[in-house]
C-alpha atoms as a PDB file:
ATOM      1  CA  THR A   1    -113.008 202.267-207.304  1.00  0.00           C
ATOM      2  CA  ASN A   2    -116.726 203.743-207.369  1.00  0.00           C
ATOM      3  CA  VAL A   3    -119.338 201.450-208.953  1.00  0.00           C
ATOM      4  CA  THR A   4    -122.527 202.762-210.691  1.00  0.00           C
ATOM      5  CA  PRO A   5    -125.494 200.517-209.706  1.00  0.00           C
ATOM      6  CA  PRO A   6    -127.841 199.731-213.079  1.00  0.00           C
ATOM      7  CA  ALA A   7    -130.291 202.153-214.320  1.00  0.00           C
ATOM      8  CA  ILE A   8    -133.105 201.924-212.364  1.00  0.00           C
ATOM      9  CA  PRO A   9    -136.843 201.809-213.367  1.00  0.00           C
ATOM     10  CA  SER A  10    -138.930 204.877-213.750  1.00  0.00           C
ATOM     11  CA  VAL A  11    -140.426 206.192-210.571  1.00  0.00           C
ATOM     12  CA  GLN A  12    -144.307 205.169-212.687  1.00  0.00           C
ATOM     13  CA  THR A  13    -142.821 201.884-212.851  1.00  0.00           C
ATOM     14  CA  ALA A  14    -142.158 201.887-208.804  1.00  0.00           C
ATOM     15  CA  PHE A  15    -145.767 202.037-208.355  1.00  0.00           C
ATOM     16  CA  GLU A  16    -147.319 200.590-210.560  1.00  0.00           C
ATOM     17  CA  THR A  17    -144.841 197.211-210.340  1.00  0.00           C
ATOM     18  CA  LEU A  18    -145.184 197.273-206.525  1.00  0.00           C
ATOM     19  CA  CYS A  19    -149.226 197.793-206.565  1.00  0.00           C
ATOM     20  CA  ALA A  20    -149.898 195.167-209.056  1.00  0.00           C
ATOM     21  CA  ARG A  21    -147.470 192.756-207.662  1.00  0.00           C
ATOM     22  CA  ARG A  22    -149.068 193.104-204.154  1.00  0.00           C
ATOM     23  CA  THR A  23    -152.708 193.208-205.581  1.00  0.00           C
ATOM     24  CA  ASN A  24    -152.798 190.890-208.027  1.00  0.00           C
ATOM     25  CA  VAL A  25    -151.322 187.605-206.102  1.00  0.00           C
ATOM     26  CA  ALA A  26    -152.196 188.655-201.917  1.00  0.00           C
ATOM     27  CA  GLU A  27    -154.816 190.435-201.955  1.00  0.00           C
ATOM     28  CA  ALA A  28    -156.850 189.407-205.381  1.00  0.00           C
ATOM     29  CA  ALA A  29    -158.694 186.631-203.497  1.00  0.00           C
ATOM     30  CA  LYS A  30    -159.589 188.356-200.590  1.00  0.00           C
ATOM     31  CA  ARG A  31    -160.121 192.055-202.191  1.00  0.00           C
ATOM     32  CA  GLY A  32    -159.916 192.255-205.904  1.00  0.00           C
ATOM     33  CA  ASN A  33    -157.692 193.632-207.946  1.00  0.00           C
ATOM     34  CA  ARG A  34    -158.865 197.269-207.853  1.00  0.00           C
ATOM     35  CA  ALA A  35    -155.341 199.475-207.426  1.00  0.00           C
ATOM     36  CA  ASN A  36    -155.532 200.768-210.258  1.00  0.00           C
ATOM     37  CA  GLU A  37    -159.197 200.894-211.260  1.00  0.00           C
ATOM     38  CA  GLY A  38    -160.663 204.268-212.346  1.00  0.00           C
ATOM     39  CA  VAL A  39    -158.706 207.129-214.104  1.00  0.00           C
ATOM     40  CA  CYS A  40    -156.660 208.361-211.126  1.00  0.00           C
ATOM     41  CA  LYS A  41    -154.016 207.320-209.251  1.00  0.00           C
ATOM     42  CA  GLY A  42    -154.332 207.218-204.927  1.00  0.00           C
ATOM     43  CA  GLY A  43    -150.642 207.035-204.182  1.00  0.00           C
ATOM     44  CA  ALA A  44    -147.456 207.551-205.257  1.00  0.00           C
ATOM     45  CA  CYS A  45    -143.590 206.335-204.722  1.00  0.00           C
ATOM     46  CA  SER A  46    -140.260 207.548-204.821  1.00  0.00           C
ATOM     47  CA  SER A  47    -137.794 206.525-207.181  1.00  0.00           C
ATOM     48  CA  LEU A  48    -136.262 203.011-206.474  1.00  0.00           C
ATOM     49  CA  VAL A  49    -132.509 203.462-205.373  1.00  0.00           C
ATOM     50  CA  LYS A  50    -130.141 200.230-205.303  1.00  0.00           C
ATOM     51  CA  TYR A  51    -127.160 199.870-202.539  1.00  0.00           C
ATOM     52  CA  PRO A  52    -124.854 197.626-201.500  1.00  0.00           C
ATOM     53  CA  VAL A  53    -126.286 195.330-198.302  1.00  0.00           C
ATOM     54  CA  LEU A  54    -123.080 195.158-196.475  1.00  0.00           C
ATOM     55  CA  GLY A  55    -121.717 198.063-194.448  1.00  0.00           C
ATOM     56  CA  THR A  56    -125.065 200.217-195.450  1.00  0.00           C
ATOM     57  CA  HIS A  57    -127.742 201.091-193.082  1.00  0.00           C
ATOM     58  CA  HIS A  58    -130.945 202.225-193.221  1.00  0.00           C
ATOM     59  CA  TYR A  59    -132.880 204.242-190.832  1.00  0.00           C
ATOM     60  CA  ALA A  60    -136.255 206.156-191.383  1.00  0.00           C
ATOM     61  CA  GLU A  61    -138.805 208.296-189.662  1.00  0.00           C
ATOM     62  CA  PHE A  62    -141.987 209.821-190.375  1.00  0.00           C
ATOM     63  CA  ASN A  63    -145.014 211.355-188.375  1.00  0.00           C
ATOM     64  CA  VAL A  64    -148.497 209.617-188.311  1.00  0.00           C
ATOM     65  CA  PRO A  65    -150.896 211.559-190.080  1.00  0.00           C
ATOM     66  CA  LYS A  66    -154.448 212.675-189.217  1.00  0.00           C
ATOM     67  CA  ILE A  67    -156.973 209.953-190.205  1.00  0.00           C
ATOM     68  CA  PRO A  68    -158.579 210.877-193.458  1.00  0.00           C
ATOM     69  CA  ALA A  69    -161.811 212.592-192.842  1.00  0.00           C
ATOM     70  CA  ASN A  70    -163.844 209.726-195.646  1.00  0.00           C
ATOM     71  CA  VAL A  71    -161.787 206.278-195.434  1.00  0.00           C
ATOM     72  CA  GLY A  72    -164.627 204.582-196.935  1.00  0.00           C
ATOM     73  CA  GLY A  73    -163.060 201.340-198.558  1.00  0.00           C
ATOM     74  CA  ALA A  74    -159.721 202.527-198.824  1.00  0.00           C
ATOM     75  CA  THR A  75    -156.274 200.790-197.575  1.00  0.00           C
ATOM     76  CA  TYR A  76    -152.986 202.317-196.991  1.00  0.00           C
ATOM     77  CA  PHE A  77    -149.927 201.161-196.657  1.00  0.00           C
ATOM     78  CA  LEU A  78    -147.223 203.876-195.903  1.00  0.00           C
ATOM     79  CA  TYR A  79    -143.638 202.707-195.408  1.00  0.00           C
ATOM     80  CA  TYR A  80    -140.170 202.957-196.302  1.00  0.00           C
ATOM     81  CA  ASN A  81    -138.712 199.815-197.946  1.00  0.00           C
ATOM     82  CA  ILE A  82    -135.854 197.247-199.643  1.00  0.00           C
ATOM     83  CA  ASP A  83    -136.433 194.555-201.674  1.00  0.00           C
ATOM     84  CA  TRP A  84    -134.427 193.006-204.210  1.00  0.00           C
ATOM     85  CA  GLN A  85    -134.939 192.861-207.598  1.00  0.00           C
ATOM     86  CA  PRO A  86    -134.241 190.264-208.886  1.00  0.00           C
ATOM     87  CA  PRO A  87    -135.903 188.670-205.774  1.00  0.00           C
ATOM     88  CA  GLY A  88    -133.812 185.777-206.016  1.00  0.00           C
ATOM     89  CA  PRO A  89    -131.340 183.263-208.241  1.00  0.00           C
ATOM     90  CA  SER A  90    -132.189 183.186-211.701  1.00  0.00           C
ATOM     91  CA  GLY A  91    -133.808 180.208-212.666  1.00  0.00           C
ATOM     92  CA  SER A  92    -135.458 179.889-209.014  1.00  0.00           C
ATOM     93  CA  ASP A  93    -138.806 179.790-208.191  1.00  0.00           C
ATOM     94  CA  ALA A  94    -138.541 183.583-205.998  1.00  0.00           C
ATOM     95  CA  ARG A  95    -140.917 185.923-207.283  1.00  0.00           C
ATOM     96  CA  MET A  96    -140.923 188.815-204.705  1.00  0.00           C
ATOM     97  CA  ASN A  97    -138.878 189.695-202.179  1.00  0.00           C
ATOM     98  CA  GLN A  98    -139.639 192.679-199.976  1.00  0.00           C
ATOM     99  CA  PHE A  99    -138.965 194.250-196.509  1.00  0.00           C
ATOM    100  CA  VAL A 100    -141.947 197.053-195.396  1.00  0.00           C
ATOM    101  CA  PRO A 101    -142.378 197.550-192.252  1.00  0.00           C
ATOM    102  CA  GLN A 102    -145.534 200.174-192.487  1.00  0.00           C
ATOM    103  CA  LEU A 103    -148.556 202.176-191.569  1.00  0.00           C
ATOM    104  CA  MET A 104    -151.530 200.685-192.419  1.00  0.00           C
ATOM    105  CA  LEU A 105    -155.394 201.511-192.222  1.00  0.00           C
ATOM    106  CA  GLY A 106    -158.329 199.941-193.918  1.00  0.00           C
ATOM    107  CA  GLU A 107    -157.982 196.628-194.603  1.00  0.00           C
ATOM    108  CA  PRO A 108    -154.579 195.984-194.927  1.00  0.00           C
ATOM    109  CA  LEU A 109    -152.417 192.540-194.844  1.00  0.00           C
ATOM    110  CA  ASP A 110    -151.145 192.739-191.262  1.00  0.00           C
ATOM    111  CA  GLY A 111    -150.716 188.855-190.218  1.00  0.00           C
ATOM    112  CA  SER A 112    -149.610 185.920-190.727  1.00  0.00           C
ATOM    113  CA  SER A 113    -150.526 182.168-190.087  1.00  0.00           C
ATOM    114  CA  GLY A 114    -146.534 181.565-188.811  1.00  0.00           C
ATOM    115  CA  PRO A 115    -144.304 178.735-189.747  1.00  0.00           C
ATOM    116  CA  PRO A 116    -144.334 176.609-191.983  1.00  0.00           C
ATOM    117  CA  ASN A 117    -146.296 178.299-194.527  1.00  0.00           C
ATOM    118  CA  TYR A 118    -146.431 181.824-193.464  1.00  0.00           C
ATOM    119  CA  LEU A 119    -149.994 182.712-194.943  1.00  0.00           C
ATOM    120  CA  PRO A 120    -151.073 186.277-195.060  1.00  0.00           C
ATOM    121  CA  LYS A 121    -153.732 187.263-192.848  1.00  0.00           C
ATOM    122  CA  TRP A 122    -156.004 190.708-193.577  1.00  0.00           C
ATOM    123  CA  HIS A 123    -157.871 192.699-190.867  1.00  0.00           C
ATOM    124  CA  ASN A 124    -160.127 195.581-190.305  1.00  0.00           C
ATOM    125  CA  HIS A 125    -158.439 198.745-188.723  1.00  0.00           C
ATOM    126  CA  SER A 126    -160.424 202.031-188.251  1.00  0.00           C
ATOM    127  CA  THR A 127    -157.805 203.715-186.804  1.00  0.00           C
ATOM    128  CA  TRP A 128    -154.074 203.633-187.461  1.00  0.00           C
ATOM    129  CA  CYS A 129    -151.681 200.819-186.801  1.00  0.00           C
ATOM    130  CA  PHE A 130    -147.934 199.601-188.106  1.00  0.00           C
ATOM    131  CA  GLY A 131    -146.223 196.472-188.249  1.00  0.00           C
ATOM    132  CA  ALA A 132    -143.021 195.030-188.989  1.00  0.00           C
ATOM    133  CA  GLN A 133    -143.149 192.289-192.237  1.00  0.00           C
ATOM    134  CA  TYR A 134    -141.194 190.146-194.620  1.00  0.00           C
ATOM    135  CA  PHE A 135    -143.632 189.945-197.489  1.00  0.00           C
ATOM    136  CA  PHE A 136    -142.692 187.518-200.721  1.00  0.00           C
ATOM    137  CA  GLU A 137    -143.646 185.250-203.377  1.00  0.00           C
ATOM    138  CA  VAL A 138    -142.683 181.963-204.457  1.00  0.00           C
ATOM    139  CA  PHE A 139    -143.848 179.877-207.202  1.00  0.00           C
ATOM    140  CA  ASN A 140    -145.597 177.109-206.561  1.00  0.00           C
ATOM    141  CA  ASN A 141    -144.631 174.341-208.913  1.00  0.00           C
ATOM    142  CA  THR A 142    -147.688 171.647-207.439  1.00  0.00           C
ATOM    143  CA  SER A 143    -150.467 174.597-207.575  1.00  0.00           C
ATOM    144  CA  ASN A 144    -149.047 176.079-210.915  1.00  0.00           C
ATOM    145  CA  ARG A 145    -148.981 179.387-209.497  1.00  0.00           C
ATOM    146  CA  THR A 146    -147.425 182.508-207.542  1.00  0.00           C
ATOM    147  CA  GLU A 147    -148.662 182.290-204.216  1.00  0.00           C
ATOM    148  CA  ALA A 148    -148.010 185.305-201.252  1.00  0.00           C
ATOM    149  CA  HIS A 149    -146.547 184.759-198.236  1.00  0.00           C
ATOM    150  CA  ALA A 150    -145.344 186.840-194.940  1.00  0.00           C
ATOM    151  CA  VAL A 151    -144.188 187.077-192.022  1.00  0.00           C
ATOM    152  CA  THR A 152    -145.329 189.779-189.377  1.00  0.00           C
ATOM    153  CA  GLY A 153    -144.291 191.343-186.210  1.00  0.00           C
ATOM    154  CA  LYS A 154    -146.882 192.582-183.558  1.00  0.00           C
ATOM    155  CA  THR A 155    -149.340 195.303-185.030  1.00  0.00           C
ATOM    156  CA  TYR A 156    -149.679 198.071-182.453  1.00  0.00           C
ATOM    157  CA  PRO A 157    -151.819 200.904-182.671  1.00  0.00           C
ATOM    158  CA  CYS A 158    -150.588 204.685-182.755  1.00  0.00           C
ATOM    159  CA  LYS A 159    -152.119 208.102-183.094  1.00  0.00           C
ATOM    160  CA  PRO A 160    -151.527 210.889-185.389  1.00  0.00           C
ATOM    161  CA  GLY A 161    -148.968 213.213-184.213  1.00  0.00           C
ATOM    162  CA  GLU A 162    -146.699 210.376-183.472  1.00  0.00           C
ATOM    163  CA  VAL A 163    -143.101 209.892-185.121  1.00  0.00           C
ATOM    164  CA  LEU A 164    -142.480 206.581-186.180  1.00  0.00           C
ATOM    165  CA  TYR A 165    -139.417 204.701-187.006  1.00  0.00           C
ATOM    166  CA  THR A 166    -137.794 202.424-189.584  1.00  0.00           C
ATOM    167  CA  GLN A 167    -134.657 200.592-189.548  1.00  0.00           C
ATOM    168  CA  TYR A 168    -133.122 197.308-190.973  1.00  0.00           C
ATOM    169  CA  THR A 169    -130.051 195.869-189.753  1.00  0.00           C
ATOM    170  CA  LEU A 170    -127.739 193.193-191.404  1.00  0.00           C
ATOM    171  CA  SER A 171    -126.008 190.729-188.461  1.00  0.00           C
ATOM    172  CA  ARG A 172    -122.994 189.544-189.017  1.00  0.00           C
ATOM    173  CA  ASN A 173    -124.289 185.951-189.319  1.00  0.00           C
ATOM    174  CA  TRP A 174    -126.036 187.250-192.354  1.00  0.00           C
ATOM    175  CA  THR A 175    -129.535 187.301-190.390  1.00  0.00           C
ATOM    176  CA  TRP A 176    -131.902 190.184-191.421  1.00  0.00           C
ATOM    177  CA  THR A 177    -133.792 192.468-188.378  1.00  0.00           C
ATOM    178  CA  LEU A 178    -136.462 194.647-189.327  1.00  0.00           C
ATOM    179  CA  GLU A 179    -137.853 197.004-186.878  1.00  0.00           C
ATOM    180  CA  MET A 180    -140.400 199.472-186.368  1.00  0.00           C
ATOM    181  CA  GLY A 181    -141.542 201.517-183.710  1.00  0.00           C
ATOM    182  CA  VAL A 182    -142.817 204.586-182.086  1.00  0.00           C
ATOM    183  CA  LYS A 183    -140.253 207.130-181.016  1.00  0.00           C
ATOM    184  CA  ASP A 184    -139.597 207.097-177.807  1.00  0.00           C
ATOM    185  CA  ASP A 185    -141.476 204.403-176.608  1.00  0.00           C
ATOM    186  CA  ASN A 186    -140.283 201.046-176.467  1.00  0.00           C
ATOM    187  CA  SER A 187    -143.250 199.526-175.388  1.00  0.00           C
ATOM    188  CA  ARG A 188    -144.649 199.952-179.237  1.00  0.00           C
ATOM    189  CA  VAL A 189    -141.699 198.150-181.032  1.00  0.00           C
ATOM    190  CA  SER A 190    -142.278 195.469-183.401  1.00  0.00           C
ATOM    191  CA  GLN A 191    -139.558 193.077-185.025  1.00  0.00           C
ATOM    192  CA  VAL A 192    -139.190 190.506-187.772  1.00  0.00           C
ATOM    193  CA  VAL A 193    -136.365 188.325-187.956  1.00  0.00           C
ATOM    194  CA  VAL A 194    -135.226 187.078-191.247  1.00  0.00           C
ATOM    195  CA  GLU A 195    -132.387 184.047-191.055  1.00  0.00           C
ATOM    196  CA  LYS A 196    -132.898 182.806-194.373  1.00  0.00           C
ATOM    197  CA  PRO A 197    -134.329 184.193-197.682  1.00  0.00           C
ATOM    198  CA  PHE A 198    -138.061 183.487-198.115  1.00  0.00           C
ATOM    199  CA  MET A 199    -137.573 181.754-195.047  1.00  0.00           C
ATOM    200  CA  GLY A 200    -136.194 178.562-196.255  1.00  0.00           C
ATOM    201  CA  LEU A 201    -139.441 177.908-198.531  1.00  0.00           C
ATOM    202  CA  LEU A 202    -137.388 177.673-201.586  1.00  0.00           C
ATOM    203  CA  PRO A 203    -135.096 174.763-201.739  1.00  0.00           C
ATOM    204  CA  LYS A 204    -131.536 174.560-200.622  1.00  0.00           C
ATOM    205  CA  GLU A 205    -130.176 174.177-204.261  1.00  0.00           C
ATOM    206  CA  GLN A 206    -131.944 176.941-205.273  1.00  0.00           C
ATOM    207  CA  THR A 207    -130.938 179.831-202.567  1.00  0.00           C
ATOM    208  CA  LYS A 208    -130.309 179.297-198.588  1.00  0.00           C
ATOM    209  CA  SER A 209    -128.282 182.465-197.369  1.00  0.00           C
ATOM    210  CA  TRP A 210    -128.471 186.416-197.694  1.00  0.00           C
ATOM    211  CA  ASN A 211    -124.504 186.175-197.927  1.00  0.00           C
ATOM    212  CA  GLU A 212    -125.434 184.904-201.668  1.00  0.00           C
ATOM    213  CA  SER A 213    -124.548 187.578-204.966  1.00  0.00           C
ATOM    214  CA  VAL A 214    -127.749 188.233-205.976  1.00  0.00           C
ATOM    215  CA  TYR A 215    -128.916 189.847-202.736  1.00  0.00           C
ATOM    216  CA  ALA A 216    -125.598 191.646-202.260  1.00  0.00           C
ATOM    217  CA  SER A 217    -127.702 194.954-203.456  1.00  0.00           C
ATOM    218  CA  ALA A 218    -131.104 196.057-201.980  1.00  0.00           C
ATOM    219  CA  ILE A 219    -133.306 198.690-203.276  1.00  0.00           C
ATOM    220  CA  ALA A 220    -134.555 201.336-201.076  1.00  0.00           C
ATOM    221  CA  ASN A 221    -137.702 203.710-201.973  1.00  0.00           C
ATOM    222  CA  THR A 222    -140.900 204.942-200.145  1.00  0.00           C
ATOM    223  CA  CYS A 223    -144.537 204.796-200.599  1.00  0.00           C
ATOM    224  CA  TRP A 224    -148.023 205.948-200.483  1.00  0.00           C
ATOM    225  CA  GLU A 225    -148.951 202.082-201.547  1.00  0.00           C
ATOM    226  CA  ILE A 226    -153.367 203.222-201.331  1.00  0.00           C
ATOM    227  CA  TYR A 227    -156.089 201.212-202.678  1.00  0.00           C
ATOM    228  CA  ASP A 228    -159.768 202.134-203.500  1.00  0.00           C
ATOM    229  CA  LEU A 229    -158.946 205.806-203.048  1.00  0.00           C
ATOM    230  CA  HIS A 230    -160.806 208.050-205.564  1.00  0.00           C
ATOM    231  CA  GLU A 231    -161.978 211.404-203.645  1.00  0.00           C
ATOM    232  CA  SER A 232    -159.980 214.336-202.143  1.00  0.00           C
ATOM    233  CA  ASP A 233    -161.429 213.463-198.222  1.00  0.00           C
ATOM    234  CA  GLN A 234    -159.545 210.334-198.507  1.00  0.00           C
ATOM    235  CA  TYR A 235    -156.334 211.637-197.859  1.00  0.00           C
ATOM    236  CA  PRO A 236    -154.495 211.864-194.679  1.00  0.00           C
ATOM    237  CA  GLU A 237    -155.678 215.746-193.377  1.00  0.00           C
ATOM    238  CA  ASN A 238    -152.016 216.912-192.924  1.00  0.00           C
ATOM    239  CA  GLU A 239    -148.624 217.072-194.000  1.00  0.00           C
ATOM    240  CA  MET A 240    -146.523 213.594-193.421  1.00  0.00           C
ATOM    241  CA  VAL A 241    -142.907 214.045-193.779  1.00  0.00           C
ATOM    242  CA  TYR A 242    -140.149 211.055-194.234  1.00  0.00           C
ATOM    243  CA  LYS A 243    -136.744 211.659-193.046  1.00  0.00           C
ATOM    244  CA  ILE A 244    -134.523 208.947-194.463  1.00  0.00           C
ATOM    245  CA  SER A 245    -130.798 208.267-193.253  1.00  0.00           C
ATOM    246  CA  ILE A 246    -128.474 205.733-195.419  1.00  0.00           C
ATOM    247  CA  LYS A 247    -125.211 205.329-193.834  1.00  0.00           C
ATOM    248  CA  THR A 248    -122.345 203.896-195.429  1.00  0.00           C
ATOM    249  CA  ASP A 249    -119.168 202.454-193.627  1.00  0.00           C
ATOM    250  CA  TYR A 250    -117.099 202.782-196.940  1.00  0.00           C
ATOM    251  CA  PRO A 251    -117.090 205.645-197.939  1.00  0.00           C
ATOM    252  CA  GLY A 252    -116.400 206.090-201.845  1.00  0.00           C
ATOM    253  CA  SER A 253    -117.189 202.379-202.336  1.00  0.00           C
ATOM    254  CA  PHE A 254    -120.134 203.208-204.632  1.00  0.00           C
ATOM    255  CA  ASP A 255    -121.851 206.739-205.869  1.00  0.00           C
ATOM    256  CA  TRP A 256    -124.866 207.974-204.115  1.00  0.00           C
ATOM    257  CA  GLN A 257    -127.886 208.117-206.814  1.00  0.00           C
ATOM    258  CA  LYS A 258    -130.619 210.787-207.246  1.00  0.00           C
ATOM    259  CA  TRP A 259    -133.955 210.182-205.674  1.00  0.00           C
ATOM    260  CA  THR A 260    -136.756 211.632-207.470  1.00  0.00           C
ATOM    261  CA  THR A 261    -140.734 211.094-206.765  1.00  0.00           C
ATOM    262  CA  GLY A 262    -143.563 210.741-208.680  1.00  0.00           C
ATOM    263  CA  GLN A 263    -147.304 212.339-207.860  1.00  0.00           C
ATOM    264  CA  PRO A 264    -150.965 210.951-207.432  1.00  0.00           C
ATOM    265  CA  THR A 265    -153.485 211.969-209.819  1.00  0.00           C
ATOM    266  CA  CYS A 266    -156.924 211.927-208.078  1.00  0.00           C
ATOM    267  CA  PRO A 267    -158.264 215.043-207.163  1.00  0.00           C
ATOM    268  CA  GLY A 268    -157.171 216.947-204.118  1.00  0.00           C
ATOM    269  CA  HIS A 269    -154.092 215.126-203.898  1.00  0.00           C
ATOM    270  CA  PRO A 270    -151.019 216.266-202.209  1.00  0.00           C
ATOM    271  CA  ASN A 271    -148.452 217.548-203.600  1.00  0.00           C
ATOM    272  CA  MET A 272    -144.685 214.957-203.118  1.00  0.00           C
ATOM    273  CA  SER A 273    -141.641 216.378-202.866  1.00  0.00           C
ATOM    274  CA  ILE A 274    -138.272 215.418-202.729  1.00  0.00           C
ATOM    275  CA  THR A 275    -134.656 216.573-201.368  1.00  0.00           C
ATOM    276  CA  ALA A 276    -131.658 214.986-200.657  1.00  0.00           C
ATOM    277  CA  HIS A 277    -128.302 215.848-199.214  1.00  0.00           C
ATOM    278  CA  GLU A 278    -124.884 214.111-198.936  1.00  0.00           C
ATOM    279  CA  SER A 279    -122.132 213.797-197.268  1.00  0.00           C
ATOM    280  CA  PRO A 280    -118.973 210.693-197.918  1.00  0.00           C
ATOM    281  CA  HIS A 281    -120.528 208.429-195.220  1.00  0.00           C
ATOM    282  CA  LEU A 282    -124.237 209.681-195.071  1.00  0.00           C
ATOM    283  CA  GLN A 283    -126.744 210.176-197.647  1.00  0.00           C
ATOM    284  CA  GLN A 284    -130.081 212.026-196.131  1.00  0.00           C
ATOM    285  CA  VAL A 285    -133.691 212.305-197.610  1.00  0.00           C
ATOM    286  CA  THR A 286    -136.964 213.868-197.196  1.00  0.00           C
ATOM    287  CA  TRP A 287    -139.533 213.070-199.056  1.00  0.00           C
END
């Protein structure tokens, strides 16, 4: 029986939600809420597309573009991610739940304090770098506020023209592995292993395993999440192409959904386009 997922938010809602949530909570204290200041939007995202997690395999490749002529104060997060909306069980303290290996430049969130608190860390990068990342937010009843956490793999440098890949793997014992690396270079592979939702920071009475029904479907999309970009020379100087492959072990168990894309609005922005091709076992998306 074909199962049609619930309606997905608009492209613009997808972009504004991701940027606002990451900036307002995770980066506000460090950098200020600057993602949507001004009259133009520097970045853009594809639409949000929902897939069952069991038997679905996500893989993406994209080329590293040339560094913008003028990075200025901009910060760049370029990625193919999956996340959960809602982020956790109803009534829980879950607020955001995102697997987001990413290409980065500027002053990105790229590090973590590690266990037990997994506090985010930021560093300056004048050249492209990448790393696997699990970004999540939970409500802290003691402090009475939503707090950001991050689990990060090793950050590696990369060069324009190299091809990066991202893949997500769910094991039989319900453990996720997030991986990002340089294609054909085994010396630069960044991984994050996630055995429990929110790394076990939520009480077991709220959530304790990825096999819970609330995590049965995940949302995929791709983004240029860019902060403080307002001028044309802050964009990468050459074309960037994402090639995404989503495979299913259970063809016919759900319908492939349509992908669409938003557009940046700052002067000199690149034009975003998206196409998709489907077979019973495979959906291929080019962005």
